[in-house]
Structure formats: structure tokens, C-alpha cells
PDB file of all heavy atoms in Angstrom:
ATOM      1  N   SER A   1       0.790  -1.215   0.001  1.00  0.00           N
ATOM      2  CA  SER A   1       0.000  -0.002   0.002  1.00  0.00           C
ATOM      3  C   SER A   1       0.827   1.262  -0.006  1.00  0.00           C
ATOM      4  O   SER A   1       0.377   2.310  -0.430  1.00  0.00           O
ATOM      5  CB  SER A   1      -0.903   0.009   1.236  1.00  0.00           C
ATOM      6  OG  SER A   1      -1.713  -1.139   1.255  1.00  0.00           O
ATOM      7  N   ALA A   2       2.056   1.185   0.545  1.00  0.00           N
ATOM      8  CA  ALA A   2       2.804   2.418   0.786  1.00  0.00           C
ATOM      9  C   ALA A   2       3.285   3.086  -0.489  1.00  0.00           C
ATOM     10  O   ALA A   2       3.504   4.295  -0.486  1.00  0.00           O
ATOM     11  CB  ALA A   2       3.993   2.117   1.708  1.00  0.00           C
ATOM     12  N   GLY A   3       3.486   2.362  -1.563  1.00  0.00           N
ATOM     13  CA  GLY A   3       3.956   2.973  -2.812  1.00  0.00           C
ATOM     14  C   GLY A   3       5.403   3.406  -2.707  1.00  0.00           C
ATOM     15  O   GLY A   3       6.122   3.028  -1.780  1.00  0.00           O
ATOM     16  N   SER A   4       5.831   4.187  -3.606  1.00  0.00           N
ATOM     17  CA  SER A   4       7.262   4.562  -3.630  1.00  0.00           C
ATOM     18  C   SER A   4       7.614   5.442  -2.425  1.00  0.00           C
ATOM     19  O   SER A   4       8.738   5.458  -1.992  1.00  0.00           O
ATOM     20  CB  SER A   4       7.543   5.330  -4.936  1.00  0.00           C
ATOM     21  OG  SER A   4       6.698   6.478  -5.003  1.00  0.00           O
ATOM     22  N   ASP A   5       6.637   6.185  -1.903  1.00  0.00           N
ATOM     23  CA  ASP A   5       6.937   7.041  -0.773  1.00  0.00           C
ATOM     24  C   ASP A   5       6.965   6.261   0.546  1.00  0.00           C
ATOM     25  O   ASP A   5       7.588   6.704   1.507  1.00  0.00           O
ATOM     26  CB  ASP A   5       5.867   8.151  -0.674  1.00  0.00           C
ATOM     27  CG  ASP A   5       6.205   9.183   0.360  1.00  0.00           C
ATOM     28  OD1 ASP A   5       7.412   9.434   0.585  1.00  0.00           O
ATOM     29  OD2 ASP A   5       5.251   9.768   0.907  1.00  0.00           O
ATOM     30  N   ALA A   6       6.249   5.106   0.577  1.00  0.00           N
ATOM     31  CA  ALA A   6       6.202   4.197   1.708  1.00  0.00           C
ATOM     32  C   ALA A   6       5.671   4.873   2.984  1.00  0.00           C
ATOM     33  O   ALA A   6       6.007   4.534   4.079  1.00  0.00           O
ATOM     34  CB  ALA A   6       7.594   3.592   2.029  1.00  0.00           C
ATOM     35  N   ARG A   7       4.809   5.879   2.799  1.00  0.00           N
ATOM     36  CA  ARG A   7       4.186   6.524   3.934  1.00  0.00           C
ATOM     37  C   ARG A   7       2.733   6.157   3.970  1.00  0.00           C
ATOM     38  O   ARG A   7       2.069   6.066   2.968  1.00  0.00           O
ATOM     39  CB  ARG A   7       4.315   8.043   3.871  1.00  0.00           C
ATOM     40  CG  ARG A   7       5.783   8.527   3.929  1.00  0.00           C
ATOM     41  CD  ARG A   7       5.820  10.045   3.696  1.00  0.00           C
ATOM     42  NE  ARG A   7       5.163  10.761   4.780  1.00  0.00           N
ATOM     43  CZ  ARG A   7       5.782  11.213   5.847  1.00  0.00           C
ATOM     44  NH1 ARG A   7       7.058  11.012   6.003  1.00  0.00           N
ATOM     45  NH2 ARG A   7       5.123  11.842   6.781  1.00  0.00           N
ATOM     46  N   LEU A   8       2.205   5.947   5.187  1.00  0.00           N
ATOM     47  CA  LEU A   8       0.816   5.542   5.290  1.00  0.00           C
ATOM     48  C   LEU A   8      -0.115   6.583   4.711  1.00  0.00           C
ATOM     49  O   LEU A   8      -1.169   6.288   4.232  1.00  0.00           O
ATOM     50  CB  LEU A   8       0.451   5.297   6.763  1.00  0.00           C
ATOM     51  CG  LEU A   8      -0.932   4.717   6.999  1.00  0.00           C
ATOM     52  CD1 LEU A   8      -1.086   3.393   6.301  1.00  0.00           C
ATOM     53  CD2 LEU A   8      -1.232   4.568   8.481  1.00  0.00           C
ATOM     54  N   ALA A   9       0.268   7.861   4.770  1.00  0.00           N
ATOM     55  CA  ALA A   9      -0.588   8.917   4.242  1.00  0.00           C
ATOM     56  C   ALA A   9      -0.856   8.723   2.774  1.00  0.00           C
ATOM     57  O   ALA A   9      -1.852   9.242   2.249  1.00  0.00           O
ATOM     58  CB  ALA A   9       0.048  10.272   4.523  1.00  0.00           C
ATOM     59  N   GLY A  10      -0.001   8.049   2.044  1.00  0.00           N
ATOM     60  CA  GLY A  10      -0.204   7.842   0.627  1.00  0.00           C
ATOM     61  C   GLY A  10      -0.779   6.483   0.288  1.00  0.00           C
ATOM     62  O   GLY A  10      -0.829   6.125  -0.864  1.00  0.00           O
ATOM     63  N   CYS A  11      -1.179   5.710   1.271  1.00  0.00           N
ATOM     64  CA  CYS A  11      -1.684   4.361   1.033  1.00  0.00           C
ATOM     65  C   CYS A  11      -3.105   4.387   0.480  1.00  0.00           C
ATOM     66  O   CYS A  11      -3.857   5.292   0.738  1.00  0.00           O
ATOM     67  CB  CYS A  11      -1.704   3.563   2.349  1.00  0.00           C
ATOM     68  SG  CYS A  11      -0.076   3.190   2.987  1.00  0.00           S
ATOM     69  N   ARG A  12      -3.481   3.352  -0.241  1.00  0.00           N
ATOM     70  CA  ARG A  12      -4.864   3.145  -0.578  1.00  0.00           C
ATOM     71  C   ARG A  12      -5.621   2.847   0.701  1.00  0.00           C
ATOM     72  O   ARG A  12      -5.176   2.093   1.550  1.00  0.00           O
ATOM     73  CB  ARG A  12      -4.992   1.977  -1.542  1.00  0.00           C
ATOM     74  CG  ARG A  12      -4.422   2.273  -2.914  1.00  0.00           C
ATOM     75  CD  ARG A  12      -4.534   1.069  -3.825  1.00  0.00           C
ATOM     76  NE  ARG A  12      -5.930   0.593  -3.874  1.00  0.00           N
ATOM     77  CZ  ARG A  12      -6.317  -0.500  -4.527  1.00  0.00           C
ATOM     78  NH1 ARG A  12      -5.414  -1.229  -5.164  1.00  0.00           N
ATOM     79  NH2 ARG A  12      -7.575  -0.865  -4.523  1.00  0.00           N
ATOM     80  N   PRO A  13      -6.778   3.479   0.903  1.00  0.00           N
ATOM     81  CA  PRO A  13      -7.497   3.365   2.167  1.00  0.00           C
ATOM     82  C   PRO A  13      -7.775   1.942   2.601  1.00  0.00           C
ATOM     83  O   PRO A  13      -7.612   1.591   3.768  1.00  0.00           O
ATOM     84  CB  PRO A  13      -8.781   4.141   1.923  1.00  0.00           C
ATOM     85  CG  PRO A  13      -8.461   5.095   0.805  1.00  0.00           C
ATOM     86  CD  PRO A  13      -7.445   4.382  -0.055  1.00  0.00           C
ATOM     87  N   GLU A  14      -8.234   1.082   1.658  1.00  0.00           N
ATOM     88  CA  GLU A  14      -8.586  -0.274   2.064  1.00  0.00           C
ATOM     89  C   GLU A  14      -7.381  -1.054   2.534  1.00  0.00           C
ATOM     90  O   GLU A  14      -7.417  -1.743   3.567  1.00  0.00           O
ATOM     91  CB  GLU A  14      -9.248  -1.022   0.886  1.00  0.00           C
ATOM     92  CG  GLU A  14     -10.533  -0.367   0.380  1.00  0.00           C
ATOM     93  CD  GLU A  14     -10.270   0.741  -0.654  1.00  0.00           C
ATOM     94  OE1 GLU A  14      -9.098   1.047  -0.895  1.00  0.00           O
ATOM     95  OE2 GLU A  14     -11.279   1.277  -1.208  1.00  0.00           O
ATOM     96  N   ARG A  15      -6.311  -0.988   1.783  1.00  0.00           N
ATOM     97  CA  ARG A  15      -5.098  -1.700   2.184  1.00  0.00           C
ATOM     98  C   ARG A  15      -4.522  -1.139   3.474  1.00  0.00           C
ATOM     99  O   ARG A  15      -4.006  -1.872   4.318  1.00  0.00           O
ATOM    100  CB  ARG A  15      -4.065  -1.619   1.070  1.00  0.00           C
ATOM    101  CG  ARG A  15      -4.425  -2.432  -0.164  1.00  0.00           C
ATOM    102  CD  ARG A  15      -3.376  -2.284  -1.243  1.00  0.00           C
ATOM    103  NE  ARG A  15      -3.697  -3.100  -2.404  1.00  0.00           N
ATOM    104  CZ  ARG A  15      -2.991  -3.073  -3.552  1.00  0.00           C
ATOM    105  NH1 ARG A  15      -1.941  -2.276  -3.636  1.00  0.00           N
ATOM    106  NH2 ARG A  15      -3.355  -3.835  -4.584  1.00  0.00           N
ATOM    107  N   ALA A  16      -4.609   0.173   3.609  1.00  0.00           N
ATOM    108  CA  ALA A  16      -4.086   0.791   4.836  1.00  0.00           C
ATOM    109  C   ALA A  16      -4.873   0.316   6.056  1.00  0.00           C
ATOM    110  O   ALA A  16      -4.290   0.063   7.107  1.00  0.00           O
ATOM    111  CB  ALA A  16      -4.164   2.320   4.711  1.00  0.00           C
ATOM    112  N   THR A  17      -6.178   0.144   5.902  1.00  0.00           N
ATOM    113  CA  THR A  17      -7.004  -0.307   6.998  1.00  0.00           C
ATOM    114  C   THR A  17      -6.645  -1.743   7.404  1.00  0.00           C
ATOM    115  O   THR A  17      -6.510  -2.045   8.587  1.00  0.00           O
ATOM    116  CB  THR A  17      -8.483  -0.224   6.635  1.00  0.00           C
ATOM    117  OG1 THR A  17      -8.830   1.118   6.365  1.00  0.00           O
ATOM    118  CG2 THR A  17      -9.368  -0.755   7.760  1.00  0.00           C
ATOM    119  N   VAL A  18      -6.469  -2.608   6.400  1.00  0.00           N
ATOM    120  CA  VAL A  18      -6.106  -3.978   6.686  1.00  0.00           C
ATOM    121  C   VAL A  18      -4.725  -4.048   7.333  1.00  0.00           C
ATOM    122  O   VAL A  18      -4.498  -4.763   8.302  1.00  0.00           O
ATOM    123  CB  VAL A  18      -6.138  -4.849   5.431  1.00  0.00           C
ATOM    124  CG1 VAL A  18      -5.617  -6.259   5.691  1.00  0.00           C
ATOM    125  CG2 VAL A  18      -7.561  -4.918   4.878  1.00  0.00           C
ATOM    126  N   ALA A  19      -3.779  -3.266   6.804  1.00  0.00           N
ATOM    127  CA  ALA A  19      -2.421  -3.249   7.386  1.00  0.00           C
ATOM    128  C   ALA A  19      -2.423  -2.808   8.830  1.00  0.00           C
ATOM    129  O   ALA A  19      -1.807  -3.424   9.686  1.00  0.00           O
ATOM    130  CB  ALA A  19      -1.529  -2.322   6.553  1.00  0.00           C
ATOM    131  N   ALA A  20      -3.186  -1.739   9.104  1.00  0.00           N
ATOM    132  CA  ALA A  20      -3.242  -1.235  10.460  1.00  0.00           C
ATOM    133  C   ALA A  20      -3.906  -2.187  11.418  1.00  0.00           C
ATOM    134  O   ALA A  20      -3.446  -2.441  12.526  1.00  0.00           O
ATOM    135  CB  ALA A  20      -3.961   0.137  10.476  1.00  0.00           C
ATOM    136  N   THR A  21      -5.037  -2.781  10.955  1.00  0.00           N
ATOM    137  CA  THR A  21      -5.794  -3.715  11.781  1.00  0.00           C
ATOM    138  C   THR A  21      -4.962  -4.947  12.138  1.00  0.00           C
ATOM    139  O   THR A  21      -4.889  -5.362  13.292  1.00  0.00           O
ATOM    140  CB  THR A  21      -7.073  -4.153  11.086  1.00  0.00           C
ATOM    141  OG1 THR A  21      -7.873  -2.989  10.787  1.00  0.00           O
ATOM    142  CG2 THR A  21      -7.882  -5.106  11.953  1.00  0.00           C
ATOM    143  N   ALA A  22      -4.317  -5.540  11.132  1.00  0.00           N
ATOM    144  CA  ALA A  22      -3.533  -6.733  11.342  1.00  0.00           C
ATOM    145  C   ALA A  22      -2.331  -6.436  12.225  1.00  0.00           C
ATOM    146  O   ALA A  22      -1.965  -7.222  13.092  1.00  0.00           O
ATOM    147  CB  ALA A  22      -3.087  -7.325  10.009  1.00  0.00           C
ATOM    148  N   THR A  23      -1.695  -5.277  12.009  1.00  0.00           N
ATOM    149  CA  THR A  23      -0.541  -4.914  12.814  1.00  0.00           C
ATOM    150  C   THR A  23      -0.928  -4.663  14.289  1.00  0.00           C
ATOM    151  O   THR A  23      -0.203  -5.054  15.210  1.00  0.00           O
ATOM    152  CB  THR A  23       0.172  -3.677  12.247  1.00  0.00           C
ATOM    153  OG1 THR A  23       0.558  -3.961  10.878  1.00  0.00           O
ATOM    154  CG2 THR A  23       1.393  -3.318  13.057  1.00  0.00           C
ATOM    155  N   LEU A  24      -2.058  -3.998  14.514  1.00  0.00           N
ATOM    156  CA  LEU A  24      -2.530  -3.811  15.851  1.00  0.00           C
ATOM    157  C   LEU A  24      -2.831  -5.137  16.541  1.00  0.00           C
ATOM    158  O   LEU A  24      -2.543  -5.314  17.721  1.00  0.00           O
ATOM    159  CB  LEU A  24      -3.778  -2.934  15.864  1.00  0.00           C
ATOM    160  CG  LEU A  24      -3.559  -1.416  15.909  1.00  0.00           C
ATOM    161  CD1 LEU A  24      -4.892  -0.685  15.835  1.00  0.00           C
ATOM    162  CD2 LEU A  24      -2.772  -1.000  17.128  1.00  0.00           C
ATOM    163  N   ALA A  25      -3.421  -6.074  15.769  1.00  0.00           N
ATOM    164  CA  ALA A  25      -3.684  -7.394  16.344  1.00  0.00           C
ATOM    165  C   ALA A  25      -2.384  -8.106  16.745  1.00  0.00           C
ATOM    166  O   ALA A  25      -2.303  -8.712  17.808  1.00  0.00           O
ATOM    167  CB  ALA A  25      -4.467  -8.262  15.307  1.00  0.00           C
ATOM    168  N   ALA A  26      -1.365  -7.966  15.890  1.00  0.00           N
ATOM    169  CA  ALA A  26      -0.085  -8.564  16.195  1.00  0.00           C
ATOM    170  C   ALA A  26       0.565  -7.926  17.412  1.00  0.00           C
ATOM    171  O   ALA A  26       1.111  -8.623  18.287  1.00  0.00           O
ATOM    172  CB  ALA A  26       0.837  -8.434  14.995  1.00  0.00           C
ATOM    173  N   ALA A  27       0.478  -6.589  17.519  1.00  0.00           N
ATOM    174  CA  ALA A  27       1.053  -5.900  18.682  1.00  0.00           C
ATOM    175  C   ALA A  27       0.306  -6.307  19.937  1.00  0.00           C
ATOM    176  O   ALA A  27       0.917  -6.489  21.015  1.00  0.00           O
ATOM    177  CB  ALA A  27       0.958  -4.385  18.449  1.00  0.00           C
ATOM    178  N   ALA A  28      -1.026  -6.433  19.847  1.00  0.00           N
ATOM    179  CA  ALA A  28      -1.813  -6.872  21.019  1.00  0.00           C
ATOM    180  C   ALA A  28      -1.441  -8.294  21.422  1.00  0.00           C
ATOM    181  O   ALA A  28      -1.385  -8.568  22.642  1.00  0.00           O
ATOM    182  CB  ALA A  28      -3.285  -6.759  20.698  1.00  0.00           C
TER     183      ALA A  28
END
């Protein structure tokens, strides 16, 4: 999702949501 800039602000919303959700689950 990050693209060439690799920043979340530039991510596609759907992929960014899945990335954040899965990462939070892993951190928890």
C-alpha cells in the first residue's frame, strides 16, 4: 500500500486499514 513514498498517508485506504488492523492485532 505504501507505494514509492512508503508513507501511510499515501496508502490506498482499504489496504491501509487492513495493514493497520492486522498490525494492531499482532502488537496486542
